[in-house]
Amino acid sequence: MTMVEAHVGAHELVAGRYRLLEVFARETNRLWWYAEDVTANQPRMVAQTALPGDTDADTVRRATARVVRTSEIMRLLCPGRVATVVDAVVEAGALWTVTDWIEGTTLGELLDREGPFSIPRAARLGLDVLDVLQAAHDEGITHGELSPGQIFVRDGGPVLVAGFGLAGTTLVPRLAAPSYASPEQARDERLGPAADLWALGAILYTTVEGRPPFRDRGRPDATLRAVDRLPLRTPLRTGPLTQAVQGLLRKNSRERLTRPVLREALTRALDEDTGTGPSPAPASRPHRGPGGRGRLLLTAGTVLAVAAAVLAATHHLPGTSPSAAAPSRPAVTATPPAGPSGSQAPGAGPSPGTGRPTATAGHSPSAGATTALPAGYHRYTAPEGFSLALPDGWRRLATSRVRDVAYRVTFGTDGASPTLAVTSSSRVGPDPVAVWRDDVEPELERLPGYHRIGGVRATTYQGYEAADLEWLSGTGDLRVHTLGRGFLTGGGHGFSLRFTTPAGAWDDPANRLALRTFLRTFRPPKG
């Protein structure tokens, strides 16, 4: 069945009451929004789940009633451990589940930002989720839609689980995040507790490995077939959790680990010395300020990262091999005259997200919306149709093309770093995070001295779905620091920006200004 895409944007009202403010998390067929209840003047969170195009009125009534009823039962069974649902409505081809404000970060968002968890931290998360699942299963309730996007990690407390009541609301086997569906769910068979245990196994795998056991293939039906038919990718980092994870991810539901055996394995892993050291605590969730109706004060962990971009797709363009990242000789810094400082670009530390420029889901701003350029910059419009502001003295250094599929344009000064590479592709995968993780990074890992800084971070750029990656590579005088941002413009098309400087010059004010200006002024071709 085909899912309906709900074309809504920031500041629109759902059910005439819930004003959408900003997308803060996403997975296949589901978005999480910050929102405001304009009637009650209260902050809310809203999960937007796409529905099949043939959903009838009776199904709509059953779906909304089921979500509210099941969530209320779970709230009573597990106080403080399950999202409190205050409303559920169907509108614009989507099910909108409205919850009280949650002081936490989705597991998916946290993994994108910080990378994989340590074994003890993953085991603790697994035990928290298992507690909630056991309460549900003892009451005859199966979650059926469990995924990293339905788990909120909170400071100083157990995780909170959302999404109860979604499974079985329509005729499709899985509404969202098909990578975490069990094989029996993929075959559209009757669901039971074993399906939730599979999903927990897939979540533990992802939490430690940094990628799901079965990658998203762009279409839910293709992903579900892969879950059902393909063998499990052997985990490499699960350590003492390996047997538990593999035991949960057995294709035959009757052969999966039982809850008591799983609990014992997770408890034992808590005490294992993995040598990975403590994992960082999750960044705080944005909170509502004391004044200003409809206004959210966002913490540094939730605004969008200042970064330049991932190669939009790896089509092996000339000049995109791993060796292309290193300059041919010791490089100089960008030297435009100082201009407005703006927000700081990220430094070379492990948490680049603290300097993100804000952006919201919605339409891309027009070029006319850009403020005056910093002194020493000029706007350049490429024959290909894109435009951006460049420092005076920068020019187009090289252009590479693969027929009508992709091109790459590199800007700089006589081939020396810093440089900016702009890449366009008409064959971009549906998930910019997966492009980085599964396609680009395996090639980057072949670079001498390659070191990733943080994890692949899903974000939004000028209203487009995007992903960021930051890394170091090269050795000695040729060691460089790169930030990448790739974003999807629709119809299989995507762009990326990749900004590279000498590693020791990353924090130079001129380079910070250059990065901020590139991100602020870049505009893809119109139409």
Protein backbone atom coordinates (compact mmCIF):
# COMPACT_ATOMS: atom_id res chain seq x y z
CA MET A 1 0.00 0.00 0.00
CA THR A 2 1.08 3.58 -0.70
CA MET A 3 1.47 5.97 2.19
CA VAL A 4 0.05 9.46 1.79
CA GLU A 5 2.54 12.29 2.26
CA ALA A 6 1.06 14.99 4.47
CA HIS A 7 2.30 18.29 3.04
CA VAL A 8 2.27 20.52 6.08
CA GLY A 9 4.79 23.01 7.33
CA ALA A 10 5.81 24.93 10.37
CA HIS A 11 3.21 27.24 11.96
CA GLU A 12 0.26 25.35 10.46
CA LEU A 13 -2.56 24.21 12.76
CA VAL A 14 -3.54 20.56 13.15
CA ALA A 15 -7.16 19.97 14.17
CA GLY A 16 -7.46 23.75 14.46
CA ARG A 17 -5.59 23.61 17.75
CA TYR A 18 -2.00 22.36 17.61
CA ARG A 19 0.44 24.76 16.01
CA LEU A 20 3.44 22.98 14.48
CA LEU A 21 6.71 24.73 15.29
CA GLU A 22 9.68 22.62 14.20
CA VAL A 23 10.59 19.04 13.25
CA PHE A 24 13.02 17.63 15.80
CA ALA A 25 13.22 13.95 14.82
CA ARG A 26 12.35 11.83 11.82
CA GLU A 27 12.31 8.25 10.61
CA THR A 28 10.64 6.52 7.68
CA ASN A 29 6.96 7.60 7.52
CA ARG A 30 7.14 9.48 10.83
CA LEU A 31 8.06 12.99 11.97
CA TRP A 32 8.19 14.37 15.50
CA TRP A 33 7.26 18.04 15.87
CA TYR A 34 7.58 20.61 18.61
CA ALA A 35 4.13 22.13 18.85
CA GLU A 36 1.89 24.36 20.91
CA ASP A 37 -1.69 23.81 22.01
CA VAL A 38 -3.07 27.25 21.22
CA THR A 39 -6.28 26.54 23.13
CA ALA A 40 -4.63 25.46 26.37
CA ASN A 41 -1.50 27.57 25.82
CA GLN A 42 0.67 24.53 26.56
CA PRO A 43 3.77 23.12 24.83
CA ARG A 44 3.19 19.76 23.14
CA MET A 45 4.98 17.21 21.03
CA VAL A 46 3.24 15.78 17.99
CA ALA A 47 4.09 12.59 16.11
CA GLN A 48 3.03 12.71 12.46
CA THR A 49 2.62 9.18 11.07
CA ALA A 50 1.75 8.70 7.39
CA LEU A 51 -1.31 6.53 6.71
CA PRO A 52 -2.15 4.34 3.70
CA GLY A 53 -3.97 6.20 0.96
CA ASP A 54 -7.06 3.96 1.18
CA THR A 55 -7.73 4.52 4.90
CA ASP A 56 -11.52 4.86 5.36
CA ALA A 57 -13.54 6.74 7.97
CA ASP A 58 -14.19 3.69 10.15
CA THR A 59 -10.47 2.90 10.26
CA VAL A 60 -9.77 6.51 11.22
CA ARG A 61 -12.17 6.35 14.17
CA ARG A 62 -10.74 3.04 15.37
CA ALA A 63 -7.17 4.24 14.99
CA THR A 64 -7.55 7.40 17.06
CA ALA A 65 -9.59 5.65 19.75
CA ARG A 66 -7.09 2.79 19.97
CA VAL A 67 -4.10 5.09 20.34
CA VAL A 68 -5.70 7.11 23.15
CA ARG A 69 -7.09 4.05 24.97
CA THR A 70 -3.91 1.95 24.78
CA SER A 71 -1.69 4.84 25.79
CA GLU A 72 -3.88 5.55 28.81
CA ILE A 73 -3.68 1.91 29.93
CA MET A 74 0.10 1.96 29.60
CA ARG A 75 0.34 5.27 31.46
CA LEU A 76 -1.45 3.67 34.41
CA LEU A 77 0.69 0.53 34.22
CA CYS A 78 4.00 2.42 33.95
CA PRO A 79 3.68 5.90 35.46
CA GLY A 80 6.39 8.20 34.15
CA ARG A 81 7.71 5.60 31.72
CA VAL A 82 5.26 6.03 28.81
CA ALA A 83 4.40 9.15 26.81
CA THR A 84 1.12 10.73 27.93
CA VAL A 85 -1.17 11.03 24.90
CA VAL A 86 -3.59 13.94 25.14
CA ASP A 87 -5.15 13.69 21.68
CA ALA A 88 -5.05 11.73 18.41
CA VAL A 89 -6.49 12.99 15.15
CA VAL A 90 -6.34 12.04 11.48
CA GLU A 91 -5.85 14.91 9.08
CA ALA A 92 -4.08 15.49 5.75
CA GLY A 93 -3.36 11.78 5.27
CA ALA A 94 -1.59 11.35 8.59
CA LEU A 95 -2.26 10.22 12.14
CA TRP A 96 -1.25 13.00 14.54
CA THR A 97 -0.52 11.76 18.05
CA VAL A 98 -0.32 14.65 20.52
CA THR A 99 1.62 14.10 23.76
CA ASP A 100 2.56 16.10 26.80
CA TRP A 101 5.98 17.74 26.62
CA ILE A 102 8.79 15.21 27.05
CA GLU A 103 12.06 16.31 28.64
CA GLY A 104 14.27 13.99 26.65
CA THR A 105 15.90 13.23 23.32
CA THR A 106 14.85 10.47 20.94
CA LEU A 107 17.32 7.62 20.81
CA GLY A 108 17.62 8.02 17.05
CA GLU A 109 18.49 11.70 17.39
CA LEU A 110 20.99 10.93 20.15
CA LEU A 111 22.75 8.24 18.10
CA ASP A 112 22.97 10.55 15.08
CA ARG A 113 24.53 13.25 17.23
CA GLU A 114 26.84 11.27 19.52
CA GLY A 115 27.45 7.93 17.82
CA PRO A 116 27.16 4.43 19.33
CA PHE A 117 26.67 3.77 23.05
CA SER A 118 29.03 1.89 25.32
CA ILE A 119 27.97 -1.66 26.24
CA PRO A 120 26.86 -0.78 29.81
CA ARG A 121 24.87 2.22 28.62
CA ALA A 122 23.15 0.15 25.93
CA ALA A 123 22.38 -2.59 28.46
CA ARG A 124 20.81 -0.06 30.84
CA LEU A 125 18.65 1.30 28.04
CA GLY A 126 17.63 -2.25 27.11
CA LEU A 127 16.57 -2.99 30.69
CA ASP A 128 14.52 0.22 30.82
CA VAL A 129 12.66 -0.69 27.63
CA LEU A 130 12.25 -4.31 28.75
CA ASP A 131 10.54 -3.13 31.97
CA VAL A 132 7.92 -1.27 29.92
CA LEU A 133 7.46 -4.13 27.45
CA GLN A 134 7.00 -6.65 30.25
CA ALA A 135 4.22 -4.54 31.79
CA ALA A 136 2.57 -4.27 28.37
CA HIS A 137 2.89 -7.95 27.52
CA ASP A 138 1.53 -9.01 30.91
CA GLU A 139 -1.55 -6.94 30.06
CA GLY A 140 -1.84 -8.47 26.58
CA ILE A 141 -0.57 -5.36 24.78
CA THR A 142 1.98 -5.52 21.95
CA HIS A 143 3.71 -2.29 20.94
CA GLY A 144 4.38 -3.32 17.33
CA GLU A 145 5.97 0.00 16.26
CA LEU A 146 9.01 0.12 18.55
CA SER A 147 12.00 1.98 17.08
CA PRO A 148 14.70 4.47 18.14
CA GLY A 149 12.25 7.25 17.29
CA GLN A 150 9.81 5.99 19.93
CA ILE A 151 12.33 5.94 22.80
CA PHE A 152 13.17 9.17 24.63
CA VAL A 153 16.42 9.23 26.62
CA ARG A 154 16.24 11.49 29.66
CA ASP A 155 18.84 12.96 31.99
CA GLY A 156 19.08 11.12 35.29
CA GLY A 157 16.14 8.78 34.78
CA PRO A 158 14.82 5.79 32.84
CA VAL A 159 13.87 6.11 29.19
CA LEU A 160 10.32 6.95 28.17
CA VAL A 161 8.53 4.91 25.49
CA ALA A 162 6.02 6.38 23.02
CA GLY A 163 3.89 4.91 20.24
CA PHE A 164 1.63 2.41 22.00
CA GLY A 165 -1.63 1.73 20.17
CA LEU A 166 -0.36 2.34 16.63
CA ALA A 167 0.03 -1.32 15.62
CA GLY A 168 -3.11 -2.78 14.10
CA THR A 169 -4.79 0.54 13.45
CA THR A 170 -4.65 -0.05 9.66
CA LEU A 171 -4.23 -2.99 7.31
CA VAL A 172 -0.53 -2.37 6.68
CA PRO A 173 1.86 -4.54 8.72
CA ARG A 174 3.98 -1.59 9.87
CA LEU A 175 3.30 2.13 9.71
CA ALA A 176 6.80 3.52 10.25
CA ALA A 177 10.47 2.58 10.71
CA PRO A 178 10.25 -0.73 8.77
CA SER A 179 13.92 -1.50 9.54
CA TYR A 180 12.75 -2.49 13.05
CA ALA A 181 9.85 -4.71 11.97
CA SER A 182 10.10 -8.39 12.87
CA PRO A 183 10.08 -11.01 10.08
CA GLU A 184 6.56 -12.14 11.04
CA GLN A 185 5.43 -8.53 10.93
CA ALA A 186 7.07 -8.14 7.52
CA ARG A 187 5.00 -11.13 6.35
CA ASP A 188 1.85 -9.49 7.76
CA GLU A 189 1.28 -12.29 10.26
CA ARG A 190 -0.34 -11.95 13.65
CA LEU A 191 1.76 -9.91 16.08
CA GLY A 192 2.73 -10.95 19.57
CA PRO A 193 5.28 -10.11 22.27
CA ALA A 194 8.04 -11.81 20.25
CA ALA A 195 7.78 -9.01 17.66
CA ASP A 196 8.59 -6.45 20.34
CA LEU A 197 11.56 -8.52 21.52
CA TRP A 198 12.88 -8.60 17.94
CA ALA A 199 12.50 -4.80 17.76
CA LEU A 200 14.36 -4.45 21.06
CA GLY A 201 17.14 -6.64 19.65
CA ALA A 202 17.32 -4.45 16.55
CA ILE A 203 17.46 -1.33 18.74
CA LEU A 204 20.27 -2.78 20.88
CA TYR A 205 22.14 -3.70 17.67
CA THR A 206 21.75 -0.14 16.35
CA THR A 207 22.66 1.44 19.68
CA VAL A 208 26.02 -0.34 19.82
CA GLU A 209 26.84 -0.81 16.12
CA GLY A 210 25.74 2.65 15.00
CA ARG A 211 23.53 1.28 12.21
CA PRO A 212 20.40 -0.92 12.07
CA PRO A 213 20.73 -4.65 11.36
CA PHE A 214 18.72 -4.15 8.15
CA ARG A 215 19.13 -0.82 6.36
CA ASP A 216 16.22 1.21 5.09
CA ARG A 217 15.85 0.62 1.33
CA GLY A 218 13.77 3.67 0.47
CA ARG A 219 10.42 1.89 0.17
CA PRO A 220 8.73 0.20 3.16
CA ASP A 221 7.86 -2.93 1.16
CA ALA A 222 11.47 -3.36 0.01
CA THR A 223 12.77 -2.89 3.55
CA LEU A 224 10.25 -5.40 4.93
CA ARG A 225 11.29 -7.98 2.32
CA ALA A 226 14.92 -7.51 3.33
CA VAL A 227 14.07 -8.02 7.02
CA ASP A 228 12.23 -11.23 6.18
CA ARG A 229 14.65 -12.73 3.65
CA LEU A 230 18.17 -11.41 4.14
CA PRO A 231 20.61 -12.74 6.74
CA LEU A 232 21.57 -10.62 9.71
CA ARG A 233 24.65 -8.45 9.28
CA THR A 234 27.15 -9.84 11.76
CA PRO A 235 27.55 -7.41 14.67
CA LEU A 236 31.12 -6.27 15.27
CA ARG A 237 30.91 -4.14 18.43
CA THR A 238 28.30 -5.83 20.61
CA GLY A 239 30.88 -7.60 22.82
CA PRO A 240 29.16 -9.27 25.80
CA LEU A 241 25.78 -8.40 24.28
CA THR A 242 26.43 -10.43 21.12
CA GLN A 243 24.57 -13.59 22.18
CA ALA A 244 21.63 -11.59 23.52
CA VAL A 245 21.33 -9.51 20.34
CA GLN A 246 21.64 -12.52 18.04
CA GLY A 247 19.20 -14.45 20.23
CA LEU A 248 16.61 -11.71 19.86
CA LEU A 249 17.13 -11.43 16.10
CA ARG A 250 16.26 -15.02 15.23
CA LYS A 251 13.92 -15.24 12.26
CA ASN A 252 11.77 -17.89 13.95
CA SER A 253 9.85 -16.09 16.68
CA ARG A 254 9.62 -19.24 18.81
CA GLU A 255 13.42 -19.45 18.99
CA ARG A 256 13.98 -15.94 20.36
CA LEU A 257 15.22 -15.27 23.85
CA THR A 258 12.63 -15.10 26.58
CA ARG A 259 12.31 -12.01 28.75
CA PRO A 260 13.94 -13.62 31.86
CA VAL A 261 16.95 -14.81 29.85
CA LEU A 262 17.29 -11.41 28.22
CA ARG A 263 17.05 -9.61 31.55
CA GLU A 264 19.83 -11.78 32.97
CA ALA A 265 22.07 -11.11 29.96
CA LEU A 266 21.52 -7.34 30.10
CA THR A 267 22.10 -7.23 33.85
CA ARG A 268 25.34 -9.17 33.45
CA ALA A 269 26.50 -6.79 30.69
CA LEU A 270 26.04 -3.83 33.02
CA ASP A 271 28.98 -5.06 35.07
CA GLU A 272 31.23 -5.92 32.12
CA ASP A 273 34.34 -3.78 31.79
CA THR A 274 34.35 -3.04 28.06
CA GLY A 275 37.16 -0.50 28.21
CA THR A 276 35.08 1.99 26.24
CA GLY A 277 34.76 4.48 29.09
CA PRO A 278 31.63 6.36 30.08
CA SER A 279 29.27 7.62 27.42
CA PRO A 280 28.20 11.25 27.45
CA ALA A 281 24.86 12.15 28.94
CA PRO A 282 22.17 13.19 26.46
CA ALA A 283 21.82 16.86 25.68
CA SER A 284 18.82 18.48 27.30
CA ARG A 285 15.59 18.64 25.35
CA PRO A 286 14.41 22.14 24.40
CA HIS A 287 12.21 23.63 27.10
CA ARG A 288 9.51 26.23 27.08
CA GLY A 289 10.57 29.66 28.19
CA PRO A 290 8.71 31.54 30.87
CA GLY A 291 7.11 33.98 28.48
CA GLY A 292 5.99 34.37 24.88
CA ARG A 293 3.13 32.28 23.61
CA GLY A 294 4.20 29.83 20.95
CA ARG A 295 7.88 30.44 21.52
CA LEU A 296 10.35 27.69 22.39
CA LEU A 297 13.80 28.35 23.77
CA LEU A 298 16.01 25.73 22.17
CA THR A 299 19.17 24.49 23.83
CA ALA A 300 22.41 24.02 21.93
CA GLY A 301 21.69 20.32 21.52
CA THR A 302 18.60 21.00 19.40
CA VAL A 303 19.56 23.80 17.07
CA LEU A 304 21.08 22.73 13.79
CA ALA A 305 24.81 22.12 13.47
CA VAL A 306 27.09 24.48 11.61
CA ALA A 307 28.59 22.05 9.17
CA ALA A 308 29.39 21.74 5.52
CA ALA A 309 28.06 18.78 3.60
CA VAL A 310 28.12 15.16 2.76
CA LEU A 311 28.72 14.11 -0.81
CA ALA A 312 25.15 13.91 -2.10
CA ALA A 313 25.72 10.47 -3.56
CA THR A 314 28.82 8.40 -4.16
CA HIS A 315 28.97 8.07 -7.90
CA HIS A 316 32.80 8.14 -7.93
CA LEU A 317 33.08 11.54 -9.53
CA PRO A 318 36.60 12.46 -10.59
CA GLY A 319 38.09 14.27 -7.63
CA THR A 320 35.88 12.52 -5.07
CA SER A 321 38.25 9.72 -4.19
CA PRO A 322 39.54 9.63 -0.62
CA SER A 323 42.81 11.21 -1.64
CA ALA A 324 41.02 14.30 -2.90
CA ALA A 325 40.40 15.50 0.64
CA ALA A 326 44.05 16.37 1.30
CA PRO A 327 45.62 19.54 -0.11
CA SER A 328 48.57 19.19 -2.44
CA ARG A 329 50.79 21.46 -0.32
CA PRO A 330 50.76 23.20 3.06
CA ALA A 331 47.71 25.42 2.95
CA VAL A 332 46.73 28.92 3.89
CA THR A 333 43.60 30.20 5.62
CA ALA A 334 40.83 32.19 4.02
CA THR A 335 41.72 35.84 4.31
CA PRO A 336 38.68 38.04 3.76
CA PRO A 337 38.50 41.20 5.86
CA ALA A 338 36.68 40.71 9.13
CA GLY A 339 32.91 41.06 8.92
CA PRO A 340 29.95 40.47 11.20
CA SER A 341 30.79 37.63 13.54
CA GLY A 342 27.40 35.91 13.65
CA SER A 343 27.13 32.62 15.50
CA GLN A 344 30.26 30.61 16.02
CA ALA A 345 31.12 27.72 13.78
CA PRO A 346 31.95 24.48 15.57
CA GLY A 347 35.45 23.92 16.81
CA ALA A 348 37.59 20.85 16.49
CA GLY A 349 36.19 19.23 19.61
CA PRO A 350 33.96 16.16 19.74
CA SER A 351 30.69 18.09 20.01
CA PRO A 352 30.35 20.19 16.86
CA GLY A 353 26.60 20.53 17.29
CA THR A 354 26.93 23.43 19.72
CA GLY A 355 27.35 25.97 16.94
CA ARG A 356 24.42 25.06 14.74
CA PRO A 357 22.53 27.78 12.87
CA THR A 358 18.79 27.46 13.36
CA ALA A 359 16.55 26.25 10.55
CA THR A 360 13.03 24.98 10.51
CA ALA A 361 11.06 22.59 8.39
CA GLY A 362 9.40 24.51 5.59
CA HIS A 363 10.28 26.23 2.39
CA SER A 364 13.79 27.24 1.50
CA PRO A 365 14.40 30.97 1.95
CA SER A 366 14.81 32.99 -1.20
CA ALA A 367 18.05 34.65 -2.12
CA GLY A 368 16.42 37.99 -1.43
CA ALA A 369 15.97 36.99 2.21
CA THR A 370 19.74 36.96 2.75
CA THR A 371 21.15 39.88 4.69
CA ALA A 372 24.10 41.94 3.49
CA LEU A 373 27.26 39.98 2.81
CA PRO A 374 30.32 40.32 5.06
CA ALA A 375 32.94 42.75 3.87
CA GLY A 376 35.27 41.08 1.38
CA TYR A 377 32.63 38.70 -0.04
CA HIS A 378 30.77 38.68 -3.33
CA ARG A 379 27.85 36.61 -4.62
CA TYR A 380 28.73 34.06 -7.30
CA THR A 381 26.11 32.46 -9.57
CA ALA A 382 27.29 29.27 -11.26
CA PRO A 383 26.31 28.27 -14.81
CA GLU A 384 24.69 25.23 -13.19
CA GLY A 385 22.20 27.54 -11.46
CA PHE A 386 23.29 27.48 -7.83
CA SER A 387 24.69 30.54 -6.09
CA LEU A 388 26.56 31.47 -2.92
CA ALA A 389 28.81 34.14 -1.47
CA LEU A 390 32.57 33.62 -1.87
CA PRO A 391 35.53 35.46 -0.32
CA ASP A 392 37.17 37.92 -2.69
CA GLY A 393 40.05 36.14 -4.40
CA TRP A 394 38.30 32.76 -4.42
CA ARG A 395 37.53 31.25 -7.78
CA ARG A 396 36.28 28.11 -9.42
CA LEU A 397 39.22 25.68 -9.33
CA ALA A 398 37.84 22.48 -10.85
CA THR A 399 34.68 20.92 -12.26
CA SER A 400 33.95 17.20 -12.60
CA ARG A 401 30.90 15.60 -14.21
CA VAL A 402 29.35 12.19 -14.71
CA ARG A 403 27.12 12.64 -17.75
CA ASP A 404 23.82 14.21 -16.59
CA VAL A 405 23.86 12.35 -13.28
CA ALA A 406 26.19 14.40 -11.07
CA TYR A 407 28.73 17.19 -10.98
CA ARG A 408 31.17 18.61 -8.48
CA VAL A 409 32.56 22.16 -8.39
CA THR A 410 35.50 23.05 -6.14
CA PHE A 411 36.23 26.62 -5.03
CA GLY A 412 39.34 28.06 -3.40
CA THR A 413 42.54 29.96 -4.11
CA ASP A 414 44.98 28.29 -6.49
CA GLY A 415 44.31 24.80 -5.19
CA ALA A 416 45.31 25.51 -1.59
CA SER A 417 43.14 24.71 1.40
CA PRO A 418 40.68 25.92 2.60
CA THR A 419 38.38 24.74 -0.16
CA LEU A 420 34.66 24.34 -0.67
CA ALA A 421 33.26 21.54 -2.84
CA VAL A 422 29.67 21.77 -4.11
CA THR A 423 28.24 18.49 -5.38
CA SER A 424 24.91 17.83 -7.09
CA SER A 425 23.39 14.46 -7.90
CA SER A 426 20.11 13.34 -9.46
CA ARG A 427 20.39 9.85 -7.92
CA VAL A 428 20.42 10.50 -4.20
CA GLY A 429 19.34 7.85 -1.71
CA PRO A 430 16.25 8.58 0.41
CA ASP A 431 18.14 8.96 3.69
CA PRO A 432 21.07 11.41 3.92
CA VAL A 433 22.24 9.81 7.16
CA ALA A 434 22.46 6.40 5.47
CA VAL A 435 24.40 7.90 2.54
CA TRP A 436 27.05 9.11 4.96
CA ARG A 437 27.11 6.00 7.10
CA ASP A 438 26.79 3.23 4.52
CA ASP A 439 28.20 4.74 1.31
CA VAL A 440 30.58 7.60 2.04
CA GLU A 441 32.25 6.69 5.32
CA PRO A 442 33.54 3.26 4.19
CA GLU A 443 35.54 5.16 1.56
CA LEU A 444 36.65 7.83 4.02
CA GLU A 445 37.96 5.14 6.36
CA ARG A 446 40.62 4.35 3.75
CA LEU A 447 42.13 7.82 4.17
CA PRO A 448 45.41 8.00 6.12
CA GLY A 449 44.69 9.23 9.63
CA TYR A 450 40.90 9.23 9.20
CA HIS A 451 39.05 10.05 12.42
CA ARG A 452 35.34 10.83 12.63
CA ILE A 453 34.33 13.57 15.07
CA GLY A 454 31.02 12.61 16.66
CA GLY A 455 28.33 10.74 14.78
CA VAL A 456 26.34 11.29 11.60
CA ARG A 457 23.76 13.90 12.53
CA ALA A 458 20.33 14.17 10.93
CA THR A 459 19.27 17.79 10.61
CA THR A 460 17.24 20.23 8.51
CA TYR A 461 18.76 22.82 6.19
CA GLN A 462 16.65 25.56 4.59
CA GLY A 463 13.64 23.29 5.13
CA TYR A 464 15.27 20.26 3.47
CA GLU A 465 16.09 16.91 5.07
CA ALA A 466 19.85 16.88 5.66
CA ALA A 467 22.75 15.16 7.41
CA ASP A 468 26.10 16.35 8.74
CA LEU A 469 29.46 14.64 9.21
CA GLU A 470 32.78 15.99 10.51
CA TRP A 471 36.19 14.31 10.30
CA LEU A 472 39.97 14.65 10.33
CA SER A 473 42.27 13.02 7.78
CA GLY A 474 45.82 13.13 6.50
CA THR A 475 49.04 13.28 8.50
CA GLY A 476 51.62 15.89 9.42
CA ASP A 477 51.41 19.13 7.47
CA LEU A 478 48.71 17.60 5.26
CA ARG A 479 46.26 16.85 8.08
CA VAL A 480 42.92 18.50 7.33
CA HIS A 481 39.60 19.07 9.05
CA THR A 482 36.38 18.70 7.04
CA LEU A 483 32.71 19.34 7.69
CA GLY A 484 30.03 18.10 5.33
CA ARG A 485 26.33 18.77 4.92
CA GLY A 486 24.18 16.98 2.36
CA PHE A 487 20.51 17.73 1.76
CA LEU A 488 17.68 16.37 -0.39
CA THR A 489 15.77 18.78 -2.62
CA GLY A 490 13.18 16.26 -3.83
CA GLY A 491 12.65 13.95 -6.77
CA GLY A 492 15.86 12.05 -6.13
CA HIS A 493 17.96 15.22 -6.33
CA GLY A 494 20.37 16.38 -3.67
CA PHE A 495 23.20 18.81 -2.98
CA SER A 496 26.15 18.80 -0.66
CA LEU A 497 28.67 21.29 0.64
CA ARG A 498 32.05 20.17 1.94
CA PHE A 499 34.38 22.66 3.63
CA THR A 500 38.02 21.67 4.30
CA THR A 501 40.78 23.56 6.11
CA PRO A 502 44.18 22.65 7.54
CA ALA A 503 43.52 20.93 10.86
CA GLY A 504 45.44 23.54 12.81
CA ALA A 505 43.61 26.43 11.14
CA TRP A 506 40.05 25.23 11.75
CA ASP A 507 39.37 27.82 14.45
CA ASP A 508 40.86 30.77 12.56
CA PRO A 509 38.28 33.58 12.51
CA ALA A 510 38.46 33.89 8.72
CA ASN A 511 37.64 30.19 8.29
CA ARG A 512 34.79 30.37 10.79
CA LEU A 513 33.35 33.32 8.91
CA ALA A 514 33.74 31.53 5.57
CA LEU A 515 31.86 28.44 6.78
CA ARG A 516 29.03 30.49 8.28
CA THR A 517 28.72 32.54 5.12
CA PHE A 518 28.69 29.53 2.77
CA LEU A 519 25.89 27.87 4.73
CA ARG A 520 23.89 31.06 5.09
CA THR A 521 24.08 32.14 1.44
CA PHE A 522 24.08 28.92 -0.60
CA ARG A 523 21.00 28.59 -2.83
CA PRO A 524 20.27 25.57 -5.07
CA PRO A 525 19.02 26.17 -8.62
CA LYS A 526 15.44 27.41 -8.85
CA GLY A 527 12.89 24.96 -10.17
